[in-house]
Amino acid sequence: MNSNKQFNMKKNSGLKETLTLRKETFPALSSGFLLIALFLLNTGCAVDDTQTVVNFTTLTMQDEFDTDGAPDSSIWGYDIGTGMNGWGNQELQYYTDRPENVTVNNGVLIITARKEDFQGSGYTSARLITQGKFSQTYGRFEARIRVPYGQGMWPAFWMLGVPDSPGEIWPSLGEIDIMEMRGQNPTTLIGSVHGPGYSAGNAISKEYVFQNDRMDTGFHVYGIEWGPDYVNHYVDDVLYNQITPEDLPEGSEWVFDNDFYILINLAVGGNFVGSPNSETVFPQSMLVDYVRVYEYNGLN
């Protein structure tokens, strides 16, 4: 666990024990009483789901995006280019590390998708990754994000398993989608897991529909609490999905007991969202106020 932590220890040596944000305060959902109350009153889980109560209080990685310019290179790297076949999803963008596509300004990470001819693609954007810099097994992973809008916009905050050997490929390593959405459906959040036998269109997913609110008009906290044999999806203070090995197709393997790294990106087009249309506005930006990861401390 935490075998690949290489984040800036000097920057994080003074981590605040109380999480008072620049804009507003969000409680870490570590209290057993609070979790049980939220489970009973506010969740979208079925009444027979079991809520696992744990402690997530020790920060292991934190980026508040307080320094203008390029993202912290001790935490973030980049995927560059189009990947094979549009990163496997027929996406239309070319990912870059240019400041036009990714920058930190005024305390916020800004990932911008642009409509422009670049290296044979009609759009550019950015995909940040912590691979080789930070990974962890279990814990709470969360980010405070405002997404873009419009047909063909596909923002995501997600995780991939770290390969044990070069021959290991997706989906055998596992994927946890903490937040993704279709820009044309700004009230619908999707949380998923992918693995061998339950990937792509057969992923295990659940949607959360915002009532009297939208994902593109303000910031929301998206997170998972992940431990042995469960992944819980949260938005703000609401648990809306719990996935356990019992939810997998018969004979499928649970592949969520190893280190995972973080990805944040804004894709354009692809099988999941379709292509932009004449009403899609460019440029479009995904704003990230912070990313925080907490250690898994076991059962209460």
C-alpha atoms as a PDB file:
ATOM      1  CA  MET A   1       0.000   0.000   0.000  1.00  0.00           C
ATOM      2  CA  ASN A   2       1.186   3.517  -0.872  1.00  0.00           C
ATOM      3  CA  SER A   3       4.238   1.900  -2.493  1.00  0.00           C
ATOM      4  CA  ASN A   4       4.461   4.591  -5.166  1.00  0.00           C
ATOM      5  CA  LYS A   5       3.995   7.780  -3.125  1.00  0.00           C
ATOM      6  CA  GLN A   6       6.324  10.428  -4.470  1.00  0.00           C
ATOM      7  CA  PHE A   7       4.344  13.613  -3.849  1.00  0.00           C
ATOM      8  CA  ASN A   8       6.024  16.735  -2.517  1.00  0.00           C
ATOM      9  CA  MET A   9       6.549  16.045   1.187  1.00  0.00           C
ATOM     10  CA  LYS A  10       7.706  19.590   1.874  1.00  0.00           C
ATOM     11  CA  LYS A  11       4.518  20.984   0.405  1.00  0.00           C
ATOM     12  CA  ASN A  12       2.387  18.571   2.414  1.00  0.00           C
ATOM     13  CA  SER A  13       4.303  18.610   5.682  1.00  0.00           C
ATOM     14  CA  GLY A  14       1.897  21.147   7.127  1.00  0.00           C
ATOM     15  CA  LEU A  15      -1.357  19.509   6.120  1.00  0.00           C
ATOM     16  CA  LYS A  16      -4.245  21.005   7.987  1.00  0.00           C
ATOM     17  CA  GLU A  17      -6.040  18.691  10.351  1.00  0.00           C
ATOM     18  CA  THR A  18      -9.236  20.657   9.836  1.00  0.00           C
ATOM     19  CA  LEU A  19     -10.260  20.937   6.209  1.00  0.00           C
ATOM     20  CA  THR A  20     -11.223  24.603   5.948  1.00  0.00           C
ATOM     21  CA  LEU A  21     -11.428  25.413   2.255  1.00  0.00           C
ATOM     22  CA  ARG A  22     -10.831  28.677   0.481  1.00  0.00           C
ATOM     23  CA  LYS A  23     -14.416  28.854  -0.745  1.00  0.00           C
ATOM     24  CA  GLU A  24     -16.469  26.732   1.672  1.00  0.00           C
ATOM     25  CA  THR A  25     -16.169  23.816   4.078  1.00  0.00           C
ATOM     26  CA  PHE A  26     -17.067  20.193   3.321  1.00  0.00           C
ATOM     27  CA  PRO A  27     -16.896  17.579   6.091  1.00  0.00           C
ATOM     28  CA  ALA A  28     -14.919  14.396   5.540  1.00  0.00           C
ATOM     29  CA  LEU A  29     -17.424  11.587   5.894  1.00  0.00           C
ATOM     30  CA  SER A  30     -15.560   9.640   8.555  1.00  0.00           C
ATOM     31  CA  SER A  31     -18.012   9.738  11.436  1.00  0.00           C
ATOM     32  CA  GLY A  32     -19.896   6.528  11.931  1.00  0.00           C
ATOM     33  CA  PHE A  33     -22.989   8.397  13.068  1.00  0.00           C
ATOM     34  CA  LEU A  34     -22.952  10.696  10.059  1.00  0.00           C
ATOM     35  CA  LEU A  35     -22.483   7.851   7.606  1.00  0.00           C
ATOM     36  CA  ILE A  36     -25.311   5.829   9.071  1.00  0.00           C
ATOM     37  CA  ALA A  37     -27.620   8.845   9.085  1.00  0.00           C
ATOM     38  CA  LEU A  38     -26.766   9.650   5.486  1.00  0.00           C
ATOM     39  CA  PHE A  39     -27.254   6.043   4.510  1.00  0.00           C
ATOM     40  CA  LEU A  40     -30.726   5.939   6.018  1.00  0.00           C
ATOM     41  CA  LEU A  41     -31.892   9.359   4.903  1.00  0.00           C
ATOM     42  CA  ASN A  42     -30.081  10.501   1.789  1.00  0.00           C
ATOM     43  CA  THR A  43     -28.719   7.623  -0.243  1.00  0.00           C
ATOM     44  CA  GLY A  44     -29.892   6.021  -3.409  1.00  0.00           C
ATOM     45  CA  CYS A  45     -28.833   2.538  -2.269  1.00  0.00           C
ATOM     46  CA  ALA A  46     -31.391  -0.164  -1.763  1.00  0.00           C
ATOM     47  CA  VAL A  47     -32.628  -0.696   1.781  1.00  0.00           C
ATOM     48  CA  ASP A  48     -30.839  -4.047   2.020  1.00  0.00           C
ATOM     49  CA  ASP A  49     -27.405  -2.613   1.094  1.00  0.00           C
ATOM     50  CA  THR A  50     -24.778  -2.754   3.839  1.00  0.00           C
ATOM     51  CA  GLN A  51     -22.877   0.427   4.682  1.00  0.00           C
ATOM     52  CA  THR A  52     -19.290  -0.188   5.749  1.00  0.00           C
ATOM     53  CA  VAL A  53     -18.158   2.369   8.341  1.00  0.00           C
ATOM     54  CA  VAL A  54     -14.437   3.190   8.422  1.00  0.00           C
ATOM     55  CA  ASN A  55     -12.048   5.998   9.289  1.00  0.00           C
ATOM     56  CA  PHE A  56     -10.580   8.166   6.513  1.00  0.00           C
ATOM     57  CA  THR A  57      -8.791  10.949   8.373  1.00  0.00           C
ATOM     58  CA  THR A  58      -5.093  10.782   7.413  1.00  0.00           C
ATOM     59  CA  LEU A  59      -4.171  12.644   4.233  1.00  0.00           C
ATOM     60  CA  THR A  60      -1.688  10.824   1.999  1.00  0.00           C
ATOM     61  CA  MET A  61      -1.848  13.164  -1.017  1.00  0.00           C
ATOM     62  CA  GLN A  62      -3.233  16.659  -1.428  1.00  0.00           C
ATOM     63  CA  ASP A  63      -3.174  19.230  -4.210  1.00  0.00           C
ATOM     64  CA  GLU A  64      -4.990  22.504  -3.506  1.00  0.00           C
ATOM     65  CA  PHE A  65      -3.719  24.060  -6.770  1.00  0.00           C
ATOM     66  CA  ASP A  66      -2.409  27.105  -4.932  1.00  0.00           C
ATOM     67  CA  THR A  67       0.502  27.883  -7.279  1.00  0.00           C
ATOM     68  CA  ASP A  68      -0.283  29.427 -10.667  1.00  0.00           C
ATOM     69  CA  GLY A  69       1.255  27.916 -13.774  1.00  0.00           C
ATOM     70  CA  ALA A  70       1.776  24.276 -14.681  1.00  0.00           C
ATOM     71  CA  PRO A  71       0.368  21.593 -12.341  1.00  0.00           C
ATOM     72  CA  ASP A  72       2.755  20.240  -9.679  1.00  0.00           C
ATOM     73  CA  SER A  73       5.096  17.899 -11.579  1.00  0.00           C
ATOM     74  CA  SER A  74       5.805  15.881  -8.422  1.00  0.00           C
ATOM     75  CA  ILE A  75       2.175  14.738  -8.483  1.00  0.00           C
ATOM     76  CA  TRP A  76       0.960  15.026 -12.093  1.00  0.00           C
ATOM     77  CA  GLY A  77       2.143  13.737 -15.436  1.00  0.00           C
ATOM     78  CA  TYR A  78       0.311  13.712 -18.776  1.00  0.00           C
ATOM     79  CA  ASP A  79      -1.015  11.399 -21.427  1.00  0.00           C
ATOM     80  CA  ILE A  80      -0.066  12.974 -24.776  1.00  0.00           C
ATOM     81  CA  GLY A  81      -1.614  12.362 -28.183  1.00  0.00           C
ATOM     82  CA  THR A  82      -4.655  10.424 -29.315  1.00  0.00           C
ATOM     83  CA  GLY A  83      -3.798   6.976 -28.023  1.00  0.00           C
ATOM     84  CA  MET A  84      -4.728   3.989 -30.112  1.00  0.00           C
ATOM     85  CA  ASN A  85      -8.046   4.544 -31.839  1.00  0.00           C
ATOM     86  CA  GLY A  86      -9.026   7.601 -29.806  1.00  0.00           C
ATOM     87  CA  TRP A  87      -7.906   6.089 -26.468  1.00  0.00           C
ATOM     88  CA  GLY A  88     -10.095   3.102 -27.323  1.00  0.00           C
ATOM     89  CA  ASN A  89     -13.304   5.152 -27.253  1.00  0.00           C
ATOM     90  CA  GLN A  90     -13.176   6.878 -30.684  1.00  0.00           C
ATOM     91  CA  GLU A  91     -12.510  10.197 -28.922  1.00  0.00           C
ATOM     92  CA  LEU A  92     -11.746  13.213 -31.115  1.00  0.00           C
ATOM     93  CA  GLN A  93      -9.242  15.253 -29.081  1.00  0.00           C
ATOM     94  CA  TYR A  94      -5.457  15.383 -29.061  1.00  0.00           C
ATOM     95  CA  TYR A  95      -4.202  15.548 -25.476  1.00  0.00           C
ATOM     96  CA  THR A  96      -1.387  18.042 -24.823  1.00  0.00           C
ATOM     97  CA  ASP A  97       0.511  19.544 -21.902  1.00  0.00           C
ATOM     98  CA  ARG A  98       0.283  23.072 -23.351  1.00  0.00           C
ATOM     99  CA  PRO A  99      -0.869  25.901 -21.062  1.00  0.00           C
ATOM    100  CA  GLU A 100      -3.669  26.518 -23.557  1.00  0.00           C
ATOM    101  CA  ASN A 101      -5.102  23.151 -22.473  1.00  0.00           C
ATOM    102  CA  VAL A 102      -3.984  22.793 -18.859  1.00  0.00           C
ATOM    103  CA  THR A 103      -2.976  25.378 -16.283  1.00  0.00           C
ATOM    104  CA  VAL A 104      -3.424  26.386 -12.658  1.00  0.00           C
ATOM    105  CA  ASN A 105      -4.819  29.857 -12.061  1.00  0.00           C
ATOM    106  CA  ASN A 106      -6.263  31.550  -8.980  1.00  0.00           C
ATOM    107  CA  GLY A 107      -6.375  28.347  -6.927  1.00  0.00           C
ATOM    108  CA  VAL A 108      -8.037  26.181  -9.584  1.00  0.00           C
ATOM    109  CA  LEU A 109      -6.790  23.579 -12.055  1.00  0.00           C
ATOM    110  CA  ILE A 110      -8.234  24.419 -15.481  1.00  0.00           C
ATOM    111  CA  ILE A 111      -8.431  21.781 -18.225  1.00  0.00           C
ATOM    112  CA  THR A 112      -9.650  23.363 -21.459  1.00  0.00           C
ATOM    113  CA  ALA A 113     -10.962  21.657 -24.584  1.00  0.00           C
ATOM    114  CA  ARG A 114     -10.501  23.704 -27.754  1.00  0.00           C
ATOM    115  CA  LYS A 115     -11.805  23.323 -31.278  1.00  0.00           C
ATOM    116  CA  GLU A 116      -8.663  23.649 -33.409  1.00  0.00           C
ATOM    117  CA  ASP A 117      -6.652  21.686 -35.962  1.00  0.00           C
ATOM    118  CA  PHE A 118      -3.725  20.126 -34.112  1.00  0.00           C
ATOM    119  CA  GLN A 119      -1.562  17.154 -35.079  1.00  0.00           C
ATOM    120  CA  GLY A 120      -4.308  15.769 -37.315  1.00  0.00           C
ATOM    121  CA  SER A 121      -7.106  16.158 -34.738  1.00  0.00           C
ATOM    122  CA  GLY A 122      -9.915  18.688 -34.723  1.00  0.00           C
ATOM    123  CA  TYR A 123      -9.843  19.304 -30.967  1.00  0.00           C
ATOM    124  CA  THR A 124      -7.299  19.585 -28.156  1.00  0.00           C
ATOM    125  CA  SER A 125      -7.596  18.996 -24.414  1.00  0.00           C
ATOM    126  CA  ALA A 126      -5.576  17.491 -21.534  1.00  0.00           C
ATOM    127  CA  ARG A 127      -5.403  14.347 -19.417  1.00  0.00           C
ATOM    128  CA  LEU A 128      -3.483  14.447 -16.125  1.00  0.00           C
ATOM    129  CA  ILE A 129      -2.257  11.249 -14.458  1.00  0.00           C
ATOM    130  CA  THR A 130      -0.423  10.352 -11.248  1.00  0.00           C
ATOM    131  CA  GLN A 131       1.032   7.130 -12.693  1.00  0.00           C
ATOM    132  CA  GLY A 132       4.600   6.681 -11.484  1.00  0.00           C
ATOM    133  CA  LYS A 133       4.177   9.527  -8.976  1.00  0.00           C
ATOM    134  CA  PHE A 134       1.338   8.541  -6.648  1.00  0.00           C
ATOM    135  CA  SER A 135      -0.755   5.406  -6.213  1.00  0.00           C
ATOM    136  CA  GLN A 136      -2.539   3.790  -3.289  1.00  0.00           C
ATOM    137  CA  THR A 137      -4.565   0.772  -2.250  1.00  0.00           C
ATOM    138  CA  TYR A 138      -7.863   1.632  -0.516  1.00  0.00           C
ATOM    139  CA  GLY A 139      -8.790   4.951   1.055  1.00  0.00           C
ATOM    140  CA  ARG A 140     -10.933   7.966   0.292  1.00  0.00           C
ATOM    141  CA  PHE A 141     -10.264   9.734  -3.024  1.00  0.00           C
ATOM    142  CA  GLU A 142     -12.108  12.980  -3.662  1.00  0.00           C
ATOM    143  CA  ALA A 143     -12.035  16.129  -5.770  1.00  0.00           C
ATOM    144  CA  ARG A 144     -14.094  19.304  -5.902  1.00  0.00           C
ATOM    145  CA  ILE A 145     -15.000  19.892  -9.544  1.00  0.00           C
ATOM    146  CA  ARG A 146     -17.131  22.005 -11.851  1.00  0.00           C
ATOM    147  CA  VAL A 147     -17.705  20.373 -15.228  1.00  0.00           C
ATOM    148  CA  PRO A 148     -18.358  21.851 -18.689  1.00  0.00           C
ATOM    149  CA  TYR A 149     -21.571  21.373 -20.633  1.00  0.00           C
ATOM    150  CA  GLY A 150     -22.835  20.569 -24.115  1.00  0.00           C
ATOM    151  CA  GLN A 151     -23.145  17.672 -26.517  1.00  0.00           C
ATOM    152  CA  GLY A 152     -19.877  15.752 -26.849  1.00  0.00           C
ATOM    153  CA  MET A 153     -18.171  16.973 -23.664  1.00  0.00           C
ATOM    154  CA  TRP A 154     -16.895  14.130 -21.466  1.00  0.00           C
ATOM    155  CA  PRO A 155     -15.161  15.125 -18.196  1.00  0.00           C
ATOM    156  CA  ALA A 156     -13.920  12.385 -15.866  1.00  0.00           C
ATOM    157  CA  PHE A 157     -12.191  11.866 -12.517  1.00  0.00           C
ATOM    158  CA  TRP A 158     -11.151   8.221 -12.332  1.00  0.00           C
ATOM    159  CA  MET A 159      -8.544   5.606 -11.404  1.00  0.00           C
ATOM    160  CA  LEU A 160      -6.676   2.724 -13.033  1.00  0.00           C
ATOM    161  CA  GLY A 161      -4.855  -0.215 -11.484  1.00  0.00           C
ATOM    162  CA  VAL A 162      -1.065  -0.128 -11.512  1.00  0.00           C
ATOM    163  CA  PRO A 163       0.311  -2.961 -13.694  1.00  0.00           C
ATOM    164  CA  ASP A 164       2.496  -5.566 -12.012  1.00  0.00           C
ATOM    165  CA  SER A 165       4.095  -6.409 -15.342  1.00  0.00           C
ATOM    166  CA  PRO A 166       4.243  -4.788 -18.820  1.00  0.00           C
ATOM    167  CA  GLY A 167       1.914  -7.394 -20.304  1.00  0.00           C
ATOM    168  CA  GLU A 168      -1.055  -6.514 -18.129  1.00  0.00           C
ATOM    169  CA  ILE A 169      -3.708  -4.502 -19.940  1.00  0.00           C
ATOM    170  CA  TRP A 170      -7.144  -3.038 -19.335  1.00  0.00           C
ATOM    171  CA  PRO A 171      -9.585  -4.204 -18.032  1.00  0.00           C
ATOM    172  CA  SER A 172      -7.678  -6.893 -16.103  1.00  0.00           C
ATOM    173  CA  LEU A 173      -6.112  -4.202 -13.901  1.00  0.00           C
ATOM    174  CA  GLY A 174      -9.459  -2.650 -12.978  1.00  0.00           C
ATOM    175  CA  GLU A 175     -10.900   0.830 -13.390  1.00  0.00           C
ATOM    176  CA  ILE A 176     -12.860   2.941 -10.902  1.00  0.00           C
ATOM    177  CA  ASP A 177     -14.812   5.872 -12.343  1.00  0.00           C
ATOM    178  CA  ILE A 178     -15.338   8.306  -9.485  1.00  0.00           C
ATOM    179  CA  MET A 179     -17.081  10.912 -11.632  1.00  0.00           C
ATOM    180  CA  GLU A 180     -18.007  11.005 -15.264  1.00  0.00           C
ATOM    181  CA  MET A 181     -20.884  12.629 -17.102  1.00  0.00           C
ATOM    182  CA  ARG A 182     -22.193  13.412 -20.548  1.00  0.00           C
ATOM    183  CA  GLY A 183     -22.130  17.140 -21.241  1.00  0.00           C
ATOM    184  CA  GLN A 184     -25.591  16.939 -22.762  1.00  0.00           C
ATOM    185  CA  ASN A 185     -26.954  15.540 -19.452  1.00  0.00           C
ATOM    186  CA  PRO A 186     -25.682  18.037 -16.853  1.00  0.00           C
ATOM    187  CA  THR A 187     -27.837  16.700 -14.018  1.00  0.00           C
ATOM    188  CA  THR A 188     -26.705  13.064 -14.235  1.00  0.00           C
ATOM    189  CA  LEU A 189     -23.581  11.746 -12.485  1.00  0.00           C
ATOM    190  CA  ILE A 190     -22.250   8.260 -13.248  1.00  0.00           C
ATOM    191  CA  GLY A 191     -20.074   6.140 -10.939  1.00  0.00           C
ATOM    192  CA  SER A 192     -18.729   2.800 -12.164  1.00  0.00           C
ATOM    193  CA  VAL A 193     -16.204   0.013 -11.852  1.00  0.00           C
ATOM    194  CA  HIS A 194     -14.704  -1.985 -14.729  1.00  0.00           C
ATOM    195  CA  GLY A 195     -12.902  -5.300 -14.605  1.00  0.00           C
ATOM    196  CA  PRO A 196     -12.502  -8.565 -16.541  1.00  0.00           C
ATOM    197  CA  GLY A 197     -15.992  -9.622 -17.617  1.00  0.00           C
ATOM    198  CA  TYR A 198     -17.662  -6.334 -16.615  1.00  0.00           C
ATOM    199  CA  SER A 199     -16.086  -3.566 -18.660  1.00  0.00           C
ATOM    200  CA  ALA A 200     -17.092  -0.885 -21.183  1.00  0.00           C
ATOM    201  CA  GLY A 201     -20.828  -1.243 -21.850  1.00  0.00           C
ATOM    202  CA  ASN A 202     -21.049  -3.987 -19.230  1.00  0.00           C
ATOM    203  CA  ALA A 203     -19.469  -1.946 -16.428  1.00  0.00           C
ATOM    204  CA  ILE A 204     -21.188  -1.991 -13.048  1.00  0.00           C
ATOM    205  CA  SER A 205     -22.606   1.516 -12.760  1.00  0.00           C
ATOM    206  CA  LYS A 206     -25.154   3.624 -11.008  1.00  0.00           C
ATOM    207  CA  GLU A 207     -26.420   7.107 -11.802  1.00  0.00           C
ATOM    208  CA  TYR A 208     -27.167   9.941  -9.405  1.00  0.00           C
ATOM    209  CA  VAL A 209     -29.577  12.606 -10.666  1.00  0.00           C
ATOM    210  CA  PHE A 210     -29.262  16.061  -9.121  1.00  0.00           C
ATOM    211  CA  GLN A 211     -32.535  17.625  -8.020  1.00  0.00           C
ATOM    212  CA  ASN A 212     -32.812  21.393  -8.572  1.00  0.00           C
ATOM    213  CA  ASP A 213     -29.096  21.573  -9.353  1.00  0.00           C
ATOM    214  CA  ARG A 214     -26.611  20.886 -12.151  1.00  0.00           C
ATOM    215  CA  MET A 215     -23.037  19.665 -12.376  1.00  0.00           C
ATOM    216  CA  ASP A 216     -21.965  22.450 -14.741  1.00  0.00           C
ATOM    217  CA  THR A 217     -23.200  25.494 -12.812  1.00  0.00           C
ATOM    218  CA  GLY A 218     -21.261  24.984  -9.590  1.00  0.00           C
ATOM    219  CA  PHE A 219     -18.655  22.918  -7.768  1.00  0.00           C
ATOM    220  CA  HIS A 220     -19.476  19.538  -6.215  1.00  0.00           C
ATOM    221  CA  VAL A 221     -17.332  17.101  -4.233  1.00  0.00           C
ATOM    222  CA  TYR A 222     -17.040  13.716  -5.966  1.00  0.00           C
ATOM    223  CA  GLY A 223     -15.445  10.834  -4.130  1.00  0.00           C
ATOM    224  CA  ILE A 224     -15.141   7.176  -3.324  1.00  0.00           C
ATOM    225  CA  GLU A 225     -14.465   5.394  -0.061  1.00  0.00           C
ATOM    226  CA  TRP A 226     -12.724   2.157  -0.981  1.00  0.00           C
ATOM    227  CA  GLY A 227     -11.767  -0.793   1.177  1.00  0.00           C
ATOM    228  CA  PRO A 228     -11.508  -4.575   1.001  1.00  0.00           C
ATOM    229  CA  ASP A 229     -14.549  -5.888  -0.876  1.00  0.00           C
ATOM    230  CA  TYR A 230     -16.352  -2.574  -1.448  1.00  0.00           C
ATOM    231  CA  VAL A 231     -16.288   0.714  -3.360  1.00  0.00           C
ATOM    232  CA  ASN A 232     -18.692   3.420  -2.141  1.00  0.00           C
ATOM    233  CA  HIS A 233     -19.465   6.358  -4.448  1.00  0.00           C
ATOM    234  CA  TYR A 234     -20.301   9.771  -2.966  1.00  0.00           C
ATOM    235  CA  VAL A 235     -21.318  13.184  -4.234  1.00  0.00           C
ATOM    236  CA  ASP A 236     -21.129  16.014  -1.697  1.00  0.00           C
ATOM    237  CA  ASP A 237     -22.560  14.371   1.453  1.00  0.00           C
ATOM    238  CA  VAL A 238     -24.592  11.630  -0.244  1.00  0.00           C
ATOM    239  CA  LEU A 239     -23.716   7.954  -0.676  1.00  0.00           C
ATOM    240  CA  TYR A 240     -25.455   6.871  -3.876  1.00  0.00           C
ATOM    241  CA  ASN A 241     -23.754   3.616  -4.813  1.00  0.00           C
ATOM    242  CA  GLN A 242     -22.032   0.683  -3.111  1.00  0.00           C
ATOM    243  CA  ILE A 243     -20.339  -2.005  -5.189  1.00  0.00           C
ATOM    244  CA  THR A 244     -19.134  -5.302  -3.700  1.00  0.00           C
ATOM    245  CA  PRO A 245     -17.944  -8.634  -5.141  1.00  0.00           C
ATOM    246  CA  GLU A 246     -21.538  -9.879  -4.885  1.00  0.00           C
ATOM    247  CA  ASP A 247     -22.502  -7.361  -7.592  1.00  0.00           C
ATOM    248  CA  LEU A 248     -20.135  -8.863 -10.180  1.00  0.00           C
ATOM    249  CA  PRO A 249     -21.273 -11.264 -12.899  1.00  0.00           C
ATOM    250  CA  GLU A 250     -20.952 -14.888 -11.848  1.00  0.00           C
ATOM    251  CA  GLY A 251     -17.395 -16.126 -12.253  1.00  0.00           C
ATOM    252  CA  SER A 252     -15.906 -12.623 -12.510  1.00  0.00           C
ATOM    253  CA  GLU A 253     -12.847 -11.508 -10.570  1.00  0.00           C
ATOM    254  CA  TRP A 254     -12.742  -8.644  -8.056  1.00  0.00           C
ATOM    255  CA  VAL A 255      -9.617  -6.674  -9.058  1.00  0.00           C
ATOM    256  CA  PHE A 256      -9.692  -3.844  -6.531  1.00  0.00           C
ATOM    257  CA  ASP A 257      -7.157  -4.905  -3.905  1.00  0.00           C
ATOM    258  CA  ASN A 258      -4.049  -3.303  -5.406  1.00  0.00           C
ATOM    259  CA  ASP A 259      -2.575   0.152  -6.000  1.00  0.00           C
ATOM    260  CA  PHE A 260      -4.506   2.495  -8.294  1.00  0.00           C
ATOM    261  CA  TYR A 261      -3.425   5.836  -9.738  1.00  0.00           C
ATOM    262  CA  ILE A 262      -5.561   8.905 -10.530  1.00  0.00           C
ATOM    263  CA  LEU A 263      -6.594  10.411 -13.867  1.00  0.00           C
ATOM    264  CA  ILE A 264      -8.415  13.690 -14.540  1.00  0.00           C
ATOM    265  CA  ASN A 265      -9.345  14.564 -18.105  1.00  0.00           C
ATOM    266  CA  LEU A 266     -11.748  16.303 -20.432  1.00  0.00           C
ATOM    267  CA  ALA A 267     -12.458  14.261 -23.560  1.00  0.00           C
ATOM    268  CA  VAL A 268     -14.292  15.435 -26.667  1.00  0.00           C
ATOM    269  CA  GLY A 269     -16.608  13.030 -28.456  1.00  0.00           C
ATOM    270  CA  GLY A 270     -16.369   9.272 -28.448  1.00  0.00           C
ATOM    271  CA  ASN A 271     -18.700   6.326 -28.096  1.00  0.00           C
ATOM    272  CA  PHE A 272     -19.888   7.356 -24.650  1.00  0.00           C
ATOM    273  CA  VAL A 273     -21.097  10.875 -25.472  1.00  0.00           C
ATOM    274  CA  GLY A 274     -21.217  11.251 -29.251  1.00  0.00           C
ATOM    275  CA  SER A 275     -19.647  14.084 -31.228  1.00  0.00           C
ATOM    276  CA  PRO A 276     -20.154  17.781 -30.523  1.00  0.00           C
ATOM    277  CA  ASN A 277     -22.943  19.438 -32.491  1.00  0.00           C
ATOM    278  CA  SER A 278     -23.576  22.946 -33.778  1.00  0.00           C
ATOM    279  CA  GLU A 279     -24.767  24.067 -30.345  1.00  0.00           C
ATOM    280  CA  THR A 280     -21.636  22.919 -28.474  1.00  0.00           C
ATOM    281  CA  VAL A 281     -19.635  25.935 -27.337  1.00  0.00           C
ATOM    282  CA  PHE A 282     -15.809  26.046 -27.465  1.00  0.00           C
ATOM    283  CA  PRO A 283     -13.547  26.519 -25.641  1.00  0.00           C
ATOM    284  CA  GLN A 284     -14.907  24.579 -22.666  1.00  0.00           C
ATOM    285  CA  SER A 285     -13.195  24.120 -19.300  1.00  0.00           C
ATOM    286  CA  MET A 286     -13.264  21.628 -16.436  1.00  0.00           C
ATOM    287  CA  LEU A 287     -12.339  23.302 -13.122  1.00  0.00           C
ATOM    288  CA  VAL A 288     -10.810  21.384 -10.196  1.00  0.00           C
ATOM    289  CA  ASP A 289     -10.560  23.149  -6.831  1.00  0.00           C
ATOM    290  CA  TYR A 290      -8.650  20.376  -5.060  1.00  0.00           C
ATOM    291  CA  VAL A 291      -7.764  16.679  -5.048  1.00  0.00           C
ATOM    292  CA  ARG A 292      -7.333  14.857  -1.716  1.00  0.00           C
ATOM    293  CA  VAL A 293      -6.558  11.256  -0.829  1.00  0.00           C
ATOM    294  CA  TYR A 294      -6.910   9.719   2.629  1.00  0.00           C
ATOM    295  CA  GLU A 295      -5.454   6.521   4.032  1.00  0.00           C
ATOM    296  CA  TYR A 296      -7.676   3.537   4.757  1.00  0.00           C
ATOM    297  CA  ASN A 297      -7.517   2.963   8.532  1.00  0.00           C
ATOM    298  CA  GLY A 298      -9.707  -0.124   8.853  1.00  0.00           C
ATOM    299  CA  LEU A 299     -13.008  -0.703  10.591  1.00  0.00           C
ATOM    300  CA  ASN A 300     -14.232   1.326  13.532  1.00  0.00           C
END
